[in-house]
Amino acid sequence: MSTRPPLTRPRQGRMIAGVCAGLARRFGMPPTVMRLLFLLSCLLPGPQFVLYIAMWIIVPNE
């Protein structure tokens, strides 16, 4: 059983708030891939920006 790191926003390597970098670390993928996935998801209708801001507020810093 593998243990995942806790979901936190890193202090190093963040672009805006560190949400994508924290999610990438949590799921074991490069931050650039997570950022591209987020940008592509913005082309679809939905609350992506609201969720990003909510995670910025809720997810703690390292």
PDB file of N, CA and C in Angstrom:
ATOM      1  N   MET A   1       0.844  -1.184   0.000  1.00  0.00           N
ATOM      2  CA  MET A   1       0.000   0.000   0.000  1.00  0.00           C
ATOM      3  C   MET A   1       0.886   1.242   0.000  1.00  0.00           C
ATOM      4  N   SER A   2       0.702   2.088  -1.007  1.00  0.00           N
ATOM      5  CA  SER A   2       1.512   3.302  -1.095  1.00  0.00           C
ATOM      6  C   SER A   2       0.796   4.449  -0.378  1.00  0.00           C
ATOM      7  N   THR A   3       1.575   5.271   0.262  1.00  0.00           N
ATOM      8  CA  THR A   3       0.993   6.426   0.942  1.00  0.00           C
ATOM      9  C   THR A   3       1.256   7.673   0.109  1.00  0.00           C
ATOM     10  N   ARG A   4       0.249   8.468  -0.048  1.00  0.00           N
ATOM     11  CA  ARG A   4       0.368   9.703  -0.807  1.00  0.00           C
ATOM     12  C   ARG A   4       0.737  10.835   0.144  1.00  0.00           C
ATOM     13  N   PRO A   5       1.479  11.809  -0.350  1.00  0.00           N
ATOM     14  CA  PRO A   5       1.768  12.962   0.500  1.00  0.00           C
ATOM     15  C   PRO A   5       0.493  13.761   0.759  1.00  0.00           C
ATOM     16  N   PRO A   6       0.433  14.459   1.865  1.00  0.00           N
ATOM     17  CA  PRO A   6      -0.779  15.245   2.141  1.00  0.00           C
ATOM     18  C   PRO A   6      -0.939  16.375   1.132  1.00  0.00           C
ATOM     19  N   LEU A   7      -2.152  16.808   0.940  1.00  0.00           N
ATOM     20  CA  LEU A   7      -2.430  17.891  -0.006  1.00  0.00           C
ATOM     21  C   LEU A   7      -2.078  19.214   0.656  1.00  0.00           C
ATOM     22  N   THR A   8      -0.980  19.804   0.215  1.00  0.00           N
ATOM     23  CA  THR A   8      -0.554  21.123   0.672  1.00  0.00           C
ATOM     24  C   THR A   8      -0.093  21.921  -0.527  1.00  0.00           C
ATOM     25  N   ARG A   9      -0.074  23.231  -0.365  1.00  0.00           N
ATOM     26  CA  ARG A   9       0.426  24.108  -1.422  1.00  0.00           C
ATOM     27  C   ARG A   9       1.898  24.381  -1.138  1.00  0.00           C
ATOM     28  N   PRO A  10       2.797  23.970  -2.039  1.00  0.00           N
ATOM     29  CA  PRO A  10       4.225  24.150  -1.780  1.00  0.00           C
ATOM     30  C   PRO A  10       4.625  25.629  -1.799  1.00  0.00           C
ATOM     31  N   ARG A  11       5.654  25.945  -1.060  1.00  0.00           N
ATOM     32  CA  ARG A  11       6.163  27.314  -1.042  1.00  0.00           C
ATOM     33  C   ARG A  11       7.090  27.564  -2.233  1.00  0.00           C
ATOM     34  N   GLN A  12       7.725  26.519  -2.737  1.00  0.00           N
ATOM     35  CA  GLN A  12       8.630  26.628  -3.894  1.00  0.00           C
ATOM     36  C   GLN A  12       7.962  25.990  -5.108  1.00  0.00           C
ATOM     37  N   GLY A  13       8.153  26.578  -6.279  1.00  0.00           N
ATOM     38  CA  GLY A  13       7.638  25.994  -7.512  1.00  0.00           C
ATOM     39  C   GLY A  13       6.204  26.340  -7.826  1.00  0.00           C
ATOM     40  N   ARG A  14       5.651  27.314  -7.152  1.00  0.00           N
ATOM     41  CA  ARG A  14       4.270  27.693  -7.442  1.00  0.00           C
ATOM     42  C   ARG A  14       4.248  28.785  -8.496  1.00  0.00           C
ATOM     43  N   MET A  15       3.176  28.818  -9.260  1.00  0.00           N
ATOM     44  CA  MET A  15       3.029  29.852 -10.287  1.00  0.00           C
ATOM     45  C   MET A  15       2.153  30.990  -9.749  1.00  0.00           C
ATOM     46  N   ILE A  16       0.965  30.673  -9.287  1.00  0.00           N
ATOM     47  CA  ILE A  16       0.068  31.698  -8.741  1.00  0.00           C
ATOM     48  C   ILE A  16      -0.126  31.430  -7.251  1.00  0.00           C
ATOM     49  N   ALA A  17      -0.841  30.373  -6.931  1.00  0.00           N
ATOM     50  CA  ALA A  17      -1.111  30.075  -5.527  1.00  0.00           C
ATOM     51  C   ALA A  17      -0.549  28.726  -5.103  1.00  0.00           C
ATOM     52  N   GLY A  18      -0.089  27.930  -6.036  1.00  0.00           N
ATOM     53  CA  GLY A  18       0.457  26.625  -5.700  1.00  0.00           C
ATOM     54  C   GLY A  18      -0.557  25.500  -5.690  1.00  0.00           C
ATOM     55  N   VAL A  19      -1.778  25.778  -6.116  1.00  0.00           N
ATOM     56  CA  VAL A  19      -2.823  24.749  -6.106  1.00  0.00           C
ATOM     57  C   VAL A  19      -2.488  23.624  -7.079  1.00  0.00           C
ATOM     58  N   CYS A  20      -2.134  23.963  -8.304  1.00  0.00           N
ATOM     59  CA  CYS A  20      -1.801  22.931  -9.299  1.00  0.00           C
ATOM     60  C   CYS A  20      -0.546  22.168  -8.901  1.00  0.00           C
ATOM     61  N   ALA A  21       0.441  22.863  -8.349  1.00  0.00           N
ATOM     62  CA  ALA A  21       1.663  22.189  -7.908  1.00  0.00           C
ATOM     63  C   ALA A  21       1.369  21.222  -6.763  1.00  0.00           C
ATOM     64  N   GLY A  22       0.500  21.615  -5.850  1.00  0.00           N
ATOM     65  CA  GLY A  22       0.127  20.732  -4.745  1.00  0.00           C
ATOM     66  C   GLY A  22      -0.652  19.514  -5.221  1.00  0.00           C
ATOM     67  N   LEU A  23      -1.572  19.726  -6.153  1.00  0.00           N
ATOM     68  CA  LEU A  23      -2.332  18.597  -6.703  1.00  0.00           C
ATOM     69  C   LEU A  23      -1.419  17.659  -7.478  1.00  0.00           C
ATOM     70  N   ALA A  24      -0.475  18.228  -8.232  1.00  0.00           N
ATOM     71  CA  ALA A  24       0.456  17.401  -9.001  1.00  0.00           C
ATOM     72  C   ALA A  24       1.301  16.543  -8.068  1.00  0.00           C
ATOM     73  N   ARG A  25       1.789  17.127  -6.993  1.00  0.00           N
ATOM     74  CA  ARG A  25       2.580  16.359  -6.031  1.00  0.00           C
ATOM     75  C   ARG A  25       1.730  15.264  -5.388  1.00  0.00           C
ATOM     76  N   ARG A  26       0.497  15.578  -5.065  1.00  0.00           N
ATOM     77  CA  ARG A  26      -0.411  14.612  -4.417  1.00  0.00           C
ATOM     78  C   ARG A  26      -0.652  13.399  -5.311  1.00  0.00           C
ATOM     79  N   PHE A  27      -0.797  13.631  -6.623  1.00  0.00           N
ATOM     80  CA  PHE A  27      -1.111  12.539  -7.540  1.00  0.00           C
ATOM     81  C   PHE A  27       0.099  12.022  -8.310  1.00  0.00           C
ATOM     82  N   GLY A  28       1.299  12.518  -7.981  1.00  0.00           N
ATOM     83  CA  GLY A  28       2.529  11.985  -8.546  1.00  0.00           C
ATOM     84  C   GLY A  28       2.744  12.295 -10.012  1.00  0.00           C
ATOM     85  N   MET A  29       2.441  13.511 -10.414  1.00  0.00           N
ATOM     86  CA  MET A  29       2.643  13.908 -11.801  1.00  0.00           C
ATOM     87  C   MET A  29       3.388  15.243 -11.839  1.00  0.00           C
ATOM     88  N   PRO A  30       3.974  15.582 -12.972  1.00  0.00           N
ATOM     89  CA  PRO A  30       4.682  16.859 -13.075  1.00  0.00           C
ATOM     90  C   PRO A  30       3.714  18.039 -12.958  1.00  0.00           C
ATOM     91  N   PRO A  31       4.139  19.122 -12.312  1.00  0.00           N
ATOM     92  CA  PRO A  31       3.254  20.289 -12.176  1.00  0.00           C
ATOM     93  C   PRO A  31       2.827  20.874 -13.513  1.00  0.00           C
ATOM     94  N   THR A  32       3.684  20.806 -14.517  1.00  0.00           N
ATOM     95  CA  THR A  32       3.341  21.349 -15.831  1.00  0.00           C
ATOM     96  C   THR A  32       2.149  20.616 -16.433  1.00  0.00           C
ATOM     97  N   VAL A  33       2.094  19.316 -16.263  1.00  0.00           N
ATOM     98  CA  VAL A  33       0.967  18.538 -16.782  1.00  0.00           C
ATOM     99  C   VAL A  33      -0.323  18.947 -16.078  1.00  0.00           C
ATOM    100  N   MET A  34      -0.262  19.116 -14.757  1.00  0.00           N
ATOM    101  CA  MET A  34      -1.456  19.520 -14.009  1.00  0.00           C
ATOM    102  C   MET A  34      -1.915  20.912 -14.436  1.00  0.00           C
ATOM    103  N   ARG A  35      -0.978  21.812 -14.671  1.00  0.00           N
ATOM    104  CA  ARG A  35      -1.341  23.156 -15.128  1.00  0.00           C
ATOM    105  C   ARG A  35      -1.993  23.120 -16.509  1.00  0.00           C
ATOM    106  N   LEU A  36      -1.457  22.292 -17.395  1.00  0.00           N
ATOM    107  CA  LEU A  36      -2.065  22.160 -18.726  1.00  0.00           C
ATOM    108  C   LEU A  36      -3.464  21.558 -18.646  1.00  0.00           C
ATOM    109  N   LEU A  37      -3.634  20.559 -17.785  1.00  0.00           N
ATOM    110  CA  LEU A  37      -4.966  19.976 -17.604  1.00  0.00           C
ATOM    111  C   LEU A  37      -5.955  21.014 -17.077  1.00  0.00           C
ATOM    112  N   PHE A  38      -5.494  21.852 -16.150  1.00  0.00           N
ATOM    113  CA  PHE A  38      -6.371  22.905 -15.634  1.00  0.00           C
ATOM    114  C   PHE A  38      -6.745  23.885 -16.738  1.00  0.00           C
ATOM    115  N   LEU A  39      -5.753  24.302 -17.537  1.00  0.00           N
ATOM    116  CA  LEU A  39      -6.045  25.232 -18.627  1.00  0.00           C
ATOM    117  C   LEU A  39      -7.001  24.632 -19.645  1.00  0.00           C
ATOM    118  N   LEU A  40      -6.811  23.360 -19.964  1.00  0.00           N
ATOM    119  CA  LEU A  40      -7.733  22.697 -20.894  1.00  0.00           C
ATOM    120  C   LEU A  40      -9.131  22.579 -20.302  1.00  0.00           C
ATOM    121  N   SER A  41      -9.218  22.341 -19.002  1.00  0.00           N
ATOM    122  CA  SER A  41     -10.537  22.236 -18.367  1.00  0.00           C
ATOM    123  C   SER A  41     -11.270  23.574 -18.391  1.00  0.00           C
ATOM    124  N   CYS A  42     -10.529  24.678 -18.478  1.00  0.00           N
ATOM    125  CA  CYS A  42     -11.169  25.990 -18.531  1.00  0.00           C
ATOM    126  C   CYS A  42     -11.915  26.210 -19.840  1.00  0.00           C
ATOM    127  N   LEU A  43     -11.623  25.400 -20.860  1.00  0.00           N
ATOM    128  CA  LEU A  43     -12.355  25.494 -22.123  1.00  0.00           C
ATOM    129  C   LEU A  43     -13.744  24.878 -22.004  1.00  0.00           C
ATOM    130  N   LEU A  44     -13.948  24.055 -20.988  1.00  0.00           N
ATOM    131  CA  LEU A  44     -15.245  23.429 -20.757  1.00  0.00           C
ATOM    132  C   LEU A  44     -16.064  24.281 -19.790  1.00  0.00           C
ATOM    133  N   PRO A  45     -17.384  24.207 -19.898  1.00  0.00           N
ATOM    134  CA  PRO A  45     -18.187  24.963 -18.937  1.00  0.00           C
ATOM    135  C   PRO A  45     -18.080  24.321 -17.549  1.00  0.00           C
ATOM    136  N   GLY A  46     -18.086  25.159 -16.540  1.00  0.00           N
ATOM    137  CA  GLY A  46     -18.022  24.654 -15.180  1.00  0.00           C
ATOM    138  C   GLY A  46     -17.377  25.649 -14.234  1.00  0.00           C
ATOM    139  N   PRO A  47     -17.313  25.287 -12.975  1.00  0.00           N
ATOM    140  CA  PRO A  47     -16.821  26.210 -11.934  1.00  0.00           C
ATOM    141  C   PRO A  47     -15.323  26.075 -11.650  1.00  0.00           C
ATOM    142  N   GLN A  48     -14.495  25.930 -12.662  1.00  0.00           N
ATOM    143  CA  GLN A  48     -13.070  25.694 -12.450  1.00  0.00           C
ATOM    144  C   GLN A  48     -12.409  26.821 -11.657  1.00  0.00           C
ATOM    145  N   PHE A  49     -12.686  28.061 -12.006  1.00  0.00           N
ATOM    146  CA  PHE A  49     -12.037  29.185 -11.332  1.00  0.00           C
ATOM    147  C   PHE A  49     -12.503  29.305  -9.886  1.00  0.00           C
ATOM    148  N   VAL A  50     -13.775  29.031  -9.658  1.00  0.00           N
ATOM    149  CA  VAL A  50     -14.313  29.076  -8.285  1.00  0.00           C
ATOM    150  C   VAL A  50     -13.659  27.990  -7.440  1.00  0.00           C
ATOM    151  N   LEU A  51     -13.498  26.789  -7.988  1.00  0.00           N
ATOM    152  CA  LEU A  51     -12.839  25.706  -7.257  1.00  0.00           C
ATOM    153  C   LEU A  51     -11.374  26.037  -6.988  1.00  0.00           C
ATOM    154  N   TYR A  52     -10.704  26.651  -7.951  1.00  0.00           N
ATOM    155  CA  TYR A  52      -9.301  27.035  -7.766  1.00  0.00           C
ATOM    156  C   TYR A  52      -9.175  28.018  -6.605  1.00  0.00           C
ATOM    157  N   ILE A  53     -10.033  29.034  -6.590  1.00  0.00           N
ATOM    158  CA  ILE A  53      -9.986  30.031  -5.516  1.00  0.00           C
ATOM    159  C   ILE A  53     -10.341  29.400  -4.180  1.00  0.00           C
ATOM    160  N   ALA A  54     -11.319  28.500  -4.165  1.00  0.00           N
ATOM    161  CA  ALA A  54     -11.687  27.813  -2.918  1.00  0.00           C
ATOM    162  C   ALA A  54     -10.523  26.972  -2.409  1.00  0.00           C
ATOM    163  N   MET A  55      -9.827  26.274  -3.300  1.00  0.00           N
ATOM    164  CA  MET A  55      -8.683  25.464  -2.873  1.00  0.00           C
ATOM    165  C   MET A  55      -7.532  26.360  -2.403  1.00  0.00           C
ATOM    166  N   TRP A  56      -7.384  27.532  -3.015  1.00  0.00           N
ATOM    167  CA  TRP A  56      -6.378  28.499  -2.596  1.00  0.00           C
ATOM    168  C   TRP A  56      -6.605  28.880  -1.137  1.00  0.00           C
ATOM    169  N   ILE A  57      -7.875  29.025  -0.764  1.00  0.00           N
ATOM    170  CA  ILE A  57      -8.220  29.413   0.608  1.00  0.00           C
ATOM    171  C   ILE A  57      -8.152  28.232   1.566  1.00  0.00           C
ATOM    172  N   ILE A  58      -8.622  27.055   1.139  1.00  0.00           N
ATOM    173  CA  ILE A  58      -8.783  25.912   2.048  1.00  0.00           C
ATOM    174  C   ILE A  58      -7.508  25.101   2.226  1.00  0.00           C
ATOM    175  N   VAL A  59      -6.777  24.840   1.152  1.00  0.00           N
ATOM    176  CA  VAL A  59      -5.593  23.970   1.225  1.00  0.00           C
ATOM    177  C   VAL A  59      -4.457  24.737   1.909  1.00  0.00           C
ATOM    178  N   PRO A  60      -3.874  24.166   2.955  1.00  0.00           N
ATOM    179  CA  PRO A  60      -2.823  24.891   3.696  1.00  0.00           C
ATOM    180  C   PRO A  60      -1.499  24.927   2.950  1.00  0.00           C
ATOM    181  N   ASN A  61      -0.668  25.918   3.305  1.00  0.00           N
ATOM    182  CA  ASN A  61       0.704  25.976   2.816  1.00  0.00           C
ATOM    183  C   ASN A  61       1.509  24.871   3.480  1.00  0.00           C
ATOM    184  N   GLU A  62       2.667  24.581   2.909  1.00  0.00           N
ATOM    185  CA  GLU A  62       3.568  23.597   3.513  1.00  0.00           C
ATOM    186  C   GLU A  62       3.982  24.071   4.889  1.00  0.00           C
TER     187      GLU A  62
END
